Amino acid sequence: MKLHVPDMTCNHCVSSITKAIKELSSDAHVVADLHDHIVEVADMIEVMPDKVIAALDEIGFEATLIEAEA
């Protein structure tokens, strides 16, 4: 899945976001693009995008789904 996270501005943000996602699915592969404020998440098993968005919202990052996994 691909998410837009406009408030992600530094590596500390990336670390917090990655930790929150990995708490949902330890196998998740998270790649962040700070320049474009995009987070790509792969290899999440049985975790719906709304759960990821809620987890990020809980730690203070508003996220919008750009693309779900096919």
Protein backbone atom coordinates (compact mmCIF):
# COMPACT_ATOMS: atom_id res chain seq x y z
CA MET A 1 0.00 0.00 0.00
CA LYS A 2 1.08 3.55 -0.57
CA LEU A 3 0.22 6.38 1.84
CA HIS A 4 0.65 10.15 1.73
CA VAL A 5 1.85 11.44 5.12
CA PRO A 6 2.25 15.23 4.77
CA ASP A 7 3.65 15.83 8.26
CA MET A 8 6.52 13.34 7.82
CA THR A 9 9.52 15.65 7.64
CA CYS A 10 12.54 13.91 9.20
CA ASN A 11 14.12 10.58 10.00
CA HIS A 12 12.61 10.63 13.49
CA CYS A 13 9.17 10.76 11.84
CA VAL A 14 10.13 7.84 9.61
CA SER A 15 11.28 5.86 12.64
CA SER A 16 8.03 6.51 14.54
CA ILE A 17 5.90 5.62 11.52
CA THR A 18 7.89 2.45 10.84
CA LYS A 19 7.58 1.37 14.47
CA ALA A 20 3.80 1.92 14.47
CA ILE A 21 3.38 -0.11 11.27
CA LYS A 22 5.61 -2.94 12.47
CA GLU A 23 3.53 -3.17 15.66
CA LEU A 24 0.60 -4.09 13.40
CA SER A 25 2.64 -6.56 11.33
CA SER A 26 6.23 -7.38 12.23
CA ASP A 27 6.84 -8.69 8.68
CA ALA A 28 5.94 -5.37 7.07
CA HIS A 29 8.50 -3.77 4.79
CA VAL A 30 8.33 0.02 5.11
CA VAL A 31 9.98 2.46 2.70
CA ALA A 32 9.61 6.21 3.27
CA ASP A 33 10.23 9.02 0.81
CA LEU A 34 10.72 12.17 2.87
CA HIS A 35 10.83 14.47 -0.16
CA ASP A 36 7.40 13.42 -1.45
CA HIS A 37 5.96 12.46 1.98
CA ILE A 38 5.11 8.96 0.75
CA VAL A 39 5.23 5.75 2.79
CA GLU A 40 5.12 2.45 0.93
CA VAL A 41 4.25 -0.66 2.92
CA ALA A 42 4.63 -4.20 1.61
CA ASP A 43 4.35 -7.70 3.03
CA MET A 44 1.62 -6.87 5.54
CA ILE A 45 -0.42 -9.94 6.30
CA GLU A 46 -4.13 -9.45 7.03
CA VAL A 47 -3.86 -5.76 7.95
CA MET A 48 -6.27 -3.45 6.19
CA PRO A 49 -5.24 0.09 5.17
CA ASP A 50 -7.71 1.65 7.61
CA LYS A 51 -5.86 -0.02 10.51
CA VAL A 52 -2.55 1.47 9.32
CA ILE A 53 -4.11 4.91 8.92
CA ALA A 54 -5.63 4.67 12.41
CA ALA A 55 -2.28 3.60 13.91
CA LEU A 56 -0.51 6.57 12.30
CA ASP A 57 -3.27 8.95 13.40
CA GLU A 58 -2.83 7.64 16.95
CA ILE A 59 0.82 8.78 16.95
CA GLY A 60 0.00 12.16 15.38
CA PHE A 61 0.46 11.58 11.65
CA GLU A 62 -2.47 12.11 9.32
CA ALA A 63 -2.21 9.67 6.43
CA THR A 64 -4.19 9.27 3.23
CA LEU A 65 -4.33 6.08 1.19
CA ILE A 66 -2.97 6.62 -2.32
CA GLU A 67 -2.88 3.04 -3.48
CA ALA A 68 -3.88 -0.27 -1.91
CA GLU A 69 -2.08 -3.51 -2.68
CA ALA A 70 -3.57 -5.35 -5.60
